[in-house]
C-alpha atoms as a PDB file:
ATOM      1  CA  MET A   1      29.517  15.159 -12.171  1.00  0.00           C
ATOM      2  CA  THR A   2      26.684  13.208 -10.573  1.00  0.00           C
ATOM      3  CA  ALA A   3      25.347  14.742  -7.353  1.00  0.00           C
ATOM      4  CA  SER A   4      25.609  12.682  -4.204  1.00  0.00           C
ATOM      5  CA  VAL A   5      22.438  11.204  -2.694  1.00  0.00           C
ATOM      6  CA  SER A   6      23.018  13.505   0.304  1.00  0.00           C
ATOM      7  CA  GLU A   7      23.008  16.582  -1.940  1.00  0.00           C
ATOM      8  CA  ASN A   8      19.928  15.461  -3.704  1.00  0.00           C
ATOM      9  CA  LEU A   9      18.275  14.578  -0.385  1.00  0.00           C
ATOM     10  CA  GLU A  10      18.841  18.096   0.965  1.00  0.00           C
ATOM     11  CA  ALA A  11      16.927  19.598  -2.011  1.00  0.00           C
ATOM     12  CA  VAL A  12      14.140  17.088  -1.730  1.00  0.00           C
ATOM     13  CA  GLN A  13      13.716  17.606   2.044  1.00  0.00           C
ATOM     14  CA  GLN A  14      13.460  21.396   1.384  1.00  0.00           C
ATOM     15  CA  THR A  15      10.680  20.817  -1.179  1.00  0.00           C
ATOM     16  CA  ILE A  16       8.832  18.351   1.101  1.00  0.00           C
ATOM     17  CA  ALA A  17       9.076  20.911   4.014  1.00  0.00           C
ATOM     18  CA  GLU A  18       7.690  23.679   1.808  1.00  0.00           C
ATOM     19  CA  ALA A  19       4.784  21.538   0.497  1.00  0.00           C
ATOM     20  CA  CYS A  20       3.833  20.496   4.059  1.00  0.00           C
ATOM     21  CA  LYS A  21       3.997  24.108   5.298  1.00  0.00           C
ATOM     22  CA  LYS A  22       1.808  25.268   2.456  1.00  0.00           C
ATOM     23  CA  VAL A  23      -1.100  23.065   3.545  1.00  0.00           C
ATOM     24  CA  ASN A  24      -0.332  23.032   7.291  1.00  0.00           C
ATOM     25  CA  ARG A  25       0.847  19.388   7.501  1.00  0.00           C
ATOM     26  CA  ASN A  26       3.555  17.921   9.758  1.00  0.00           C
ATOM     27  CA  ARG A  27       6.743  16.981   7.938  1.00  0.00           C
ATOM     28  CA  GLU A  28       6.838  13.769   9.979  1.00  0.00           C
ATOM     29  CA  ASP A  29       3.614  12.629   8.276  1.00  0.00           C
ATOM     30  CA  VAL A  30       5.395  12.107   4.934  1.00  0.00           C
ATOM     31  CA  GLU A  31       7.614   9.056   4.394  1.00  0.00           C
ATOM     32  CA  LEU A  32      10.240   9.131   1.653  1.00  0.00           C
ATOM     33  CA  ILE A  33      10.938   6.048  -0.391  1.00  0.00           C
ATOM     34  CA  ALA A  34      14.078   5.975  -2.511  1.00  0.00           C
ATOM     35  CA  VAL A  35      13.186   4.022  -5.710  1.00  0.00           C
ATOM     36  CA  THR A  36      16.373   2.191  -6.602  1.00  0.00           C
ATOM     37  CA  LYS A  37      15.254   0.415  -9.812  1.00  0.00           C
ATOM     38  CA  TYR A  38      17.657   2.283 -12.124  1.00  0.00           C
ATOM     39  CA  VAL A  39      20.723   2.382  -9.772  1.00  0.00           C
ATOM     40  CA  SER A  40      23.333   0.010  -8.466  1.00  0.00           C
ATOM     41  CA  THR A  41      23.471  -1.655  -5.058  1.00  0.00           C
ATOM     42  CA  LYS A  42      26.307   0.724  -4.221  1.00  0.00           C
ATOM     43  CA  ARG A  43      24.124   3.698  -4.917  1.00  0.00           C
ATOM     44  CA  ALA A  44      21.212   2.226  -2.910  1.00  0.00           C
ATOM     45  CA  ALA A  45      23.588   1.719   0.028  1.00  0.00           C
ATOM     46  CA  GLU A  46      24.596   5.369  -0.324  1.00  0.00           C
ATOM     47  CA  ALA A  47      20.975   6.339   0.080  1.00  0.00           C
ATOM     48  CA  VAL A  48      20.781   4.319   3.357  1.00  0.00           C
ATOM     49  CA  ASP A  49      24.054   5.932   4.506  1.00  0.00           C
ATOM     50  CA  ALA A  50      22.434   9.295   3.828  1.00  0.00           C
ATOM     51  CA  GLY A  51      19.676   8.499   6.299  1.00  0.00           C
ATOM     52  CA  ILE A  52      16.997   7.222   3.905  1.00  0.00           C
ATOM     53  CA  LEU A  53      15.212   4.353   5.708  1.00  0.00           C
ATOM     54  CA  HIS A  54      12.830   3.166   2.996  1.00  0.00           C
ATOM     55  CA  LEU A  55      13.913   1.623  -0.293  1.00  0.00           C
ATOM     56  CA  GLY A  56      11.551   0.663  -3.131  1.00  0.00           C
ATOM     57  CA  GLU A  57      12.092  -1.850  -5.969  1.00  0.00           C
ATOM     58  CA  ASN A  58       9.909  -2.574  -9.017  1.00  0.00           C
ATOM     59  CA  ARG A  59      11.391  -6.035  -9.841  1.00  0.00           C
ATOM     60  CA  ASP A  60      12.040  -9.158  -7.753  1.00  0.00           C
ATOM     61  CA  GLU A  61      15.595  -9.571  -9.148  1.00  0.00           C
ATOM     62  CA  GLY A  62      16.576  -6.016  -8.189  1.00  0.00           C
ATOM     63  CA  LEU A  63      15.105  -6.357  -4.746  1.00  0.00           C
ATOM     64  CA  LEU A  64      16.875  -9.651  -3.971  1.00  0.00           C
ATOM     65  CA  GLU A  65      20.208  -8.315  -5.340  1.00  0.00           C
ATOM     66  CA  LYS A  66      20.129  -5.190  -3.188  1.00  0.00           C
ATOM     67  CA  TYR A  67      18.635  -6.990  -0.099  1.00  0.00           C
ATOM     68  CA  GLU A  68      21.569  -9.412  -0.128  1.00  0.00           C
ATOM     69  CA  SER A  69      23.877  -6.488   0.422  1.00  0.00           C
ATOM     70  CA  ILE A  70      21.746  -4.034   2.534  1.00  0.00           C
ATOM     71  CA  GLY A  71      19.475  -6.394   4.286  1.00  0.00           C
ATOM     72  CA  GLU A  72      17.533  -5.102   7.332  1.00  0.00           C
ATOM     73  CA  LYS A  73      19.194  -1.719   7.346  1.00  0.00           C
ATOM     74  CA  ALA A  74      16.273  -0.599   5.191  1.00  0.00           C
ATOM     75  CA  THR A  75      12.556  -1.017   5.150  1.00  0.00           C
ATOM     76  CA  TRP A  76      11.727  -2.616   1.895  1.00  0.00           C
ATOM     77  CA  HIS A  77       8.792  -1.693  -0.448  1.00  0.00           C
ATOM     78  CA  PHE A  78       7.795  -3.658  -3.508  1.00  0.00           C
ATOM     79  CA  ILE A  79       6.262  -0.961  -5.735  1.00  0.00           C
ATOM     80  CA  GLY A  80       5.975  -2.532  -9.162  1.00  0.00           C
ATOM     81  CA  SER A  81       3.361  -4.853 -10.576  1.00  0.00           C
ATOM     82  CA  LEU A  82       4.008  -8.220  -8.843  1.00  0.00           C
ATOM     83  CA  GLN A  83       3.410 -11.453 -10.720  1.00  0.00           C
ATOM     84  CA  THR A  84       1.743 -14.059  -8.644  1.00  0.00           C
ATOM     85  CA  ARG A  85       4.599 -16.649  -9.365  1.00  0.00           C
ATOM     86  CA  LYS A  86       7.102 -14.247  -8.072  1.00  0.00           C
ATOM     87  CA  VAL A  87       5.524 -13.615  -4.647  1.00  0.00           C
ATOM     88  CA  LYS A  88       7.529 -16.453  -3.058  1.00  0.00           C
ATOM     89  CA  ASN A  89      10.831 -14.719  -4.042  1.00  0.00           C
ATOM     90  CA  VAL A  90      10.196 -11.461  -2.184  1.00  0.00           C
ATOM     91  CA  ILE A  91       7.564 -12.062   0.524  1.00  0.00           C
ATOM     92  CA  ASP A  92       9.914 -12.642   3.450  1.00  0.00           C
ATOM     93  CA  LYS A  93      12.059  -9.640   2.448  1.00  0.00           C
ATOM     94  CA  VAL A  94       9.469  -6.933   1.992  1.00  0.00           C
ATOM     95  CA  ASP A  95       7.677  -4.852   4.590  1.00  0.00           C
ATOM     96  CA  TYR A  96       5.191  -3.222   2.133  1.00  0.00           C
ATOM     97  CA  ILE A  97       3.638  -4.171  -1.191  1.00  0.00           C
ATOM     98  CA  HIS A  98       2.208  -1.172  -3.080  1.00  0.00           C
ATOM     99  CA  SER A  99       0.613  -3.041  -5.989  1.00  0.00           C
ATOM    100  CA  LEU A 100      -2.174  -5.358  -4.643  1.00  0.00           C
ATOM    101  CA  ASP A 101      -4.817  -5.224  -7.435  1.00  0.00           C
ATOM    102  CA  ARG A 102      -6.324  -8.699  -7.842  1.00  0.00           C
ATOM    103  CA  LEU A 103      -7.584 -11.619  -5.777  1.00  0.00           C
ATOM    104  CA  SER A 104      -5.113 -14.145  -7.139  1.00  0.00           C
ATOM    105  CA  LEU A 105      -2.278 -11.954  -5.856  1.00  0.00           C
ATOM    106  CA  ALA A 106      -3.935 -11.590  -2.533  1.00  0.00           C
ATOM    107  CA  LYS A 107      -4.340 -15.379  -2.166  1.00  0.00           C
ATOM    108  CA  GLU A 108      -0.671 -15.935  -2.880  1.00  0.00           C
ATOM    109  CA  ILE A 109       0.556 -13.264  -0.504  1.00  0.00           C
ATOM    110  CA  ASP A 110      -1.654 -14.705   2.233  1.00  0.00           C
ATOM    111  CA  LYS A 111      -0.453 -18.311   1.510  1.00  0.00           C
ATOM    112  CA  ARG A 112       3.290 -17.436   1.366  1.00  0.00           C
ATOM    113  CA  ALA A 113       3.613 -14.791   4.059  1.00  0.00           C
ATOM    114  CA  GLU A 114       4.891 -15.764   7.518  1.00  0.00           C
ATOM    115  CA  HIS A 115       3.634 -12.522   9.074  1.00  0.00           C
ATOM    116  CA  ARG A 116       1.113  -9.884   8.198  1.00  0.00           C
ATOM    117  CA  ILE A 117       2.161  -7.849   5.090  1.00  0.00           C
ATOM    118  CA  LYS A 118       1.218  -4.180   4.848  1.00  0.00           C
ATOM    119  CA  CYS A 119      -0.411  -3.725   1.517  1.00  0.00           C
ATOM    120  CA  PHE A 120      -1.524  -0.801  -0.625  1.00  0.00           C
ATOM    121  CA  VAL A 121      -4.393  -1.462  -3.004  1.00  0.00           C
ATOM    122  CA  GLN A 122      -3.348  -0.042  -6.399  1.00  0.00           C
ATOM    123  CA  VAL A 123      -6.040   2.158  -7.960  1.00  0.00           C
ATOM    124  CA  ASN A 124      -6.081   3.381 -11.565  1.00  0.00           C
ATOM    125  CA  VAL A 125      -7.654   6.666 -10.733  1.00  0.00           C
ATOM    126  CA  ALA A 126      -6.797   8.211 -14.081  1.00  0.00           C
ATOM    127  CA  GLU A 127      -8.302   5.254 -15.937  1.00  0.00           C
ATOM    128  CA  GLU A 128      -5.257   4.925 -18.155  1.00  0.00           C
ATOM    129  CA  GLN A 129      -5.181   1.666 -20.215  1.00  0.00           C
ATOM    130  CA  SER A 130      -1.449   1.405 -19.980  1.00  0.00           C
ATOM    131  CA  LYS A 131      -1.502   1.299 -16.102  1.00  0.00           C
ATOM    132  CA  HIS A 132      -2.278  -1.461 -13.598  1.00  0.00           C
ATOM    133  CA  GLY A 133      -4.699  -1.004 -10.793  1.00  0.00           C
ATOM    134  CA  LEU A 134      -8.354  -1.290  -9.996  1.00  0.00           C
ATOM    135  CA  ALA A 135     -11.053   1.067 -11.200  1.00  0.00           C
ATOM    136  CA  VAL A 136     -12.292   3.350  -8.468  1.00  0.00           C
ATOM    137  CA  GLU A 137     -15.729   1.648  -8.267  1.00  0.00           C
ATOM    138  CA  ASP A 138     -14.174  -1.750  -7.845  1.00  0.00           C
ATOM    139  CA  VAL A 139     -11.900  -0.850  -4.865  1.00  0.00           C
ATOM    140  CA  ILE A 140     -14.358  -1.140  -1.947  1.00  0.00           C
ATOM    141  CA  PRO A 141     -15.833  -4.484  -3.142  1.00  0.00           C
ATOM    142  CA  PHE A 142     -12.297  -5.745  -3.539  1.00  0.00           C
ATOM    143  CA  ILE A 143     -11.188  -4.656  -0.118  1.00  0.00           C
ATOM    144  CA  ARG A 144     -14.257  -6.307   1.387  1.00  0.00           C
ATOM    145  CA  SER A 145     -13.169  -9.531  -0.242  1.00  0.00           C
ATOM    146  CA  LEU A 146      -9.816  -9.418   1.558  1.00  0.00           C
ATOM    147  CA  GLU A 147     -11.333  -9.931   5.014  1.00  0.00           C
ATOM    148  CA  ALA A 148     -10.575 -13.701   4.871  1.00  0.00           C
ATOM    149  CA  PHE A 149      -6.795 -13.185   4.420  1.00  0.00           C
ATOM    150  CA  ALA A 150      -5.126 -13.048   7.900  1.00  0.00           C
ATOM    151  CA  ASN A 151      -1.705 -12.133   6.462  1.00  0.00           C
ATOM    152  CA  ILE A 152      -2.895  -9.020   4.632  1.00  0.00           C
ATOM    153  CA  GLN A 153      -3.410  -5.628   6.158  1.00  0.00           C
ATOM    154  CA  VAL A 154      -4.627  -2.898   3.841  1.00  0.00           C
ATOM    155  CA  VAL A 155      -2.675   0.040   5.065  1.00  0.00           C
ATOM    156  CA  GLY A 156      -3.662   2.351   2.231  1.00  0.00           C
ATOM    157  CA  LEU A 157      -4.127   3.126  -1.394  1.00  0.00           C
ATOM    158  CA  MET A 158      -1.590   3.707  -4.115  1.00  0.00           C
ATOM    159  CA  THR A 159      -1.917   5.367  -7.537  1.00  0.00           C
ATOM    160  CA  LEU A 160       0.310   6.429 -10.425  1.00  0.00           C
ATOM    161  CA  ALA A 161      -0.635   9.831 -11.772  1.00  0.00           C
ATOM    162  CA  PRO A 162      -0.670  10.589 -15.493  1.00  0.00           C
ATOM    163  CA  HIS A 163       2.772  11.628 -16.856  1.00  0.00           C
ATOM    164  CA  THR A 164       1.860  15.304 -17.411  1.00  0.00           C
ATOM    165  CA  ASP A 165       2.894  18.793 -16.226  1.00  0.00           C
ATOM    166  CA  GLU A 166      -0.764  19.744 -16.138  1.00  0.00           C
ATOM    167  CA  GLU A 167      -1.276  20.573 -12.458  1.00  0.00           C
ATOM    168  CA  SER A 168      -5.052  20.411 -12.514  1.00  0.00           C
ATOM    169  CA  THR A 169      -4.868  16.847 -13.911  1.00  0.00           C
ATOM    170  CA  LEU A 170      -2.377  15.776 -11.253  1.00  0.00           C
ATOM    171  CA  ARG A 171      -4.417  17.332  -8.433  1.00  0.00           C
ATOM    172  CA  SER A 172      -7.608  15.714  -9.682  1.00  0.00           C
ATOM    173  CA  CYS A 173      -5.968  12.311  -9.623  1.00  0.00           C
ATOM    174  CA  PHE A 174      -4.549  12.695  -6.140  1.00  0.00           C
ATOM    175  CA  GLN A 175      -7.837  14.230  -4.796  1.00  0.00           C
ATOM    176  CA  GLY A 176      -9.670  11.198  -6.226  1.00  0.00           C
ATOM    177  CA  LEU A 177      -7.534   8.806  -4.234  1.00  0.00           C
ATOM    178  CA  LYS A 178      -7.857  10.870  -1.072  1.00  0.00           C
ATOM    179  CA  LYS A 179     -11.667  10.859  -1.432  1.00  0.00           C
ATOM    180  CA  LEU A 180     -11.716   7.063  -1.917  1.00  0.00           C
ATOM    181  CA  GLN A 181      -9.488   6.665   1.166  1.00  0.00           C
ATOM    182  CA  SER A 182     -11.980   8.609   3.231  1.00  0.00           C
ATOM    183  CA  ARG A 183     -14.870   6.375   2.124  1.00  0.00           C
ATOM    184  CA  ILE A 184     -12.888   3.286   3.091  1.00  0.00           C
ATOM    185  CA  GLN A 185     -11.906   4.670   6.478  1.00  0.00           C
ATOM    186  CA  GLU A 186     -15.592   5.251   7.280  1.00  0.00           C
ATOM    187  CA  LEU A 187     -16.217   1.496   6.904  1.00  0.00           C
ATOM    188  CA  ASN A 188     -14.026   0.920   9.954  1.00  0.00           C
ATOM    189  CA  LEU A 189     -12.695  -2.431   8.694  1.00  0.00           C
ATOM    190  CA  PRO A 190     -10.017  -3.803  11.203  1.00  0.00           C
ATOM    191  CA  TYR A 191      -8.011  -5.404   8.471  1.00  0.00           C
ATOM    192  CA  ALA A 192      -8.172  -2.250   6.270  1.00  0.00           C
ATOM    193  CA  PRO A 193      -7.416   0.848   8.320  1.00  0.00           C
ATOM    194  CA  CYS A 194      -6.350   2.599   5.097  1.00  0.00           C
ATOM    195  CA  THR A 195      -4.471   5.362   6.850  1.00  0.00           C
ATOM    196  CA  GLU A 196      -1.788   5.770   4.113  1.00  0.00           C
ATOM    197  CA  LEU A 197      -1.657   7.208   0.572  1.00  0.00           C
ATOM    198  CA  SER A 198       1.230   6.198  -1.673  1.00  0.00           C
ATOM    199  CA  MET A 199       1.306   8.739  -4.424  1.00  0.00           C
ATOM    200  CA  GLY A 200       3.737  11.241  -5.878  1.00  0.00           C
ATOM    201  CA  MET A 201       6.973  10.679  -7.832  1.00  0.00           C
ATOM    202  CA  SER A 202       9.903  12.758  -8.973  1.00  0.00           C
ATOM    203  CA  ASN A 203       7.866  15.042 -11.207  1.00  0.00           C
ATOM    204  CA  ASP A 204       4.768  15.580  -9.013  1.00  0.00           C
ATOM    205  CA  TYR A 205       5.641  14.820  -5.346  1.00  0.00           C
ATOM    206  CA  ALA A 206       5.107  18.323  -3.999  1.00  0.00           C
ATOM    207  CA  ILE A 207       1.571  18.361  -5.388  1.00  0.00           C
ATOM    208  CA  ALA A 208       0.936  14.881  -4.023  1.00  0.00           C
ATOM    209  CA  ILE A 209       2.022  15.991  -0.516  1.00  0.00           C
ATOM    210  CA  GLU A 210      -0.310  18.979  -0.749  1.00  0.00           C
ATOM    211  CA  GLU A 211      -3.182  16.569  -1.597  1.00  0.00           C
ATOM    212  CA  GLY A 212      -2.441  14.164   1.326  1.00  0.00           C
ATOM    213  CA  ALA A 213       0.367  11.760   0.281  1.00  0.00           C
ATOM    214  CA  THR A 214       1.925   9.942   3.262  1.00  0.00           C
ATOM    215  CA  PHE A 215       4.474   7.984   1.150  1.00  0.00           C
ATOM    216  CA  ILE A 216       6.198   9.428  -1.872  1.00  0.00           C
ATOM    217  CA  ARG A 217       8.325   7.353  -4.241  1.00  0.00           C
ATOM    218  CA  LEU A 218      11.340   9.183  -5.641  1.00  0.00           C
ATOM    219  CA  GLY A 219      13.839   7.718  -8.109  1.00  0.00           C
ATOM    220  CA  THR A 220      15.657  10.094 -10.465  1.00  0.00           C
ATOM    221  CA  THR A 221      15.360  13.183  -8.270  1.00  0.00           C
ATOM    222  CA  LEU A 222      16.831  11.438  -5.304  1.00  0.00           C
ATOM    223  CA  VAL A 223      19.180   8.648  -6.293  1.00  0.00           C
ATOM    224  CA  GLY A 224      19.595   9.382 -10.026  1.00  0.00           C
ATOM    225  CA  ASN A 225      19.599   7.054 -13.011  1.00  0.00           C
ATOM    226  CA  GLU A 226      22.696   4.973 -13.858  1.00  0.00           C
ATOM    227  CA  ARG A 227      21.243   3.300 -16.907  1.00  0.00           C
END
């Protein structure tokens, strides 16, 4: 029998609390996003009922379908690669976009948005060819180029760690993002406070928290997989 979201949440909250305690962080500094890509609208609604305030979707169709039912009961995060032509479909529904990685996307977000959108710049710290995101050395020049866009606020950086159980590889990836965040914060750019780090998924979120994650994105561990 599938565990309820509430049951899963209890276990996840315990892991988050332990990871925070281990490195002397406040539990309140870590936001939990339920990634609902592989579950139904009903299951996503169950997550909201369980007290999860942040929902993340990878596809515009999935987000629109769930938004129609759940609406503003949740804070919405678009966490997948966003095609420029699909920006108009989701821009007035989302609060955060986690996958800003090119100028053409920034231009479209700025053009379509009716208010300032909180964006994470996606960084391919691990330099994996299969993943989206900017190379580490390209991130600061890219962020500097965003100054002209009034509807974009760079709240932080996002990365996808390699899919491995090798703890040292995961830590190295998360530490690389944290180090880059510190460099950006030193620039004191009003439009890019870069206070947040979106990193950590079902298999590595405890390590991500220990390395400074402020948003973690959990799918299977939290809401399951109905496909």
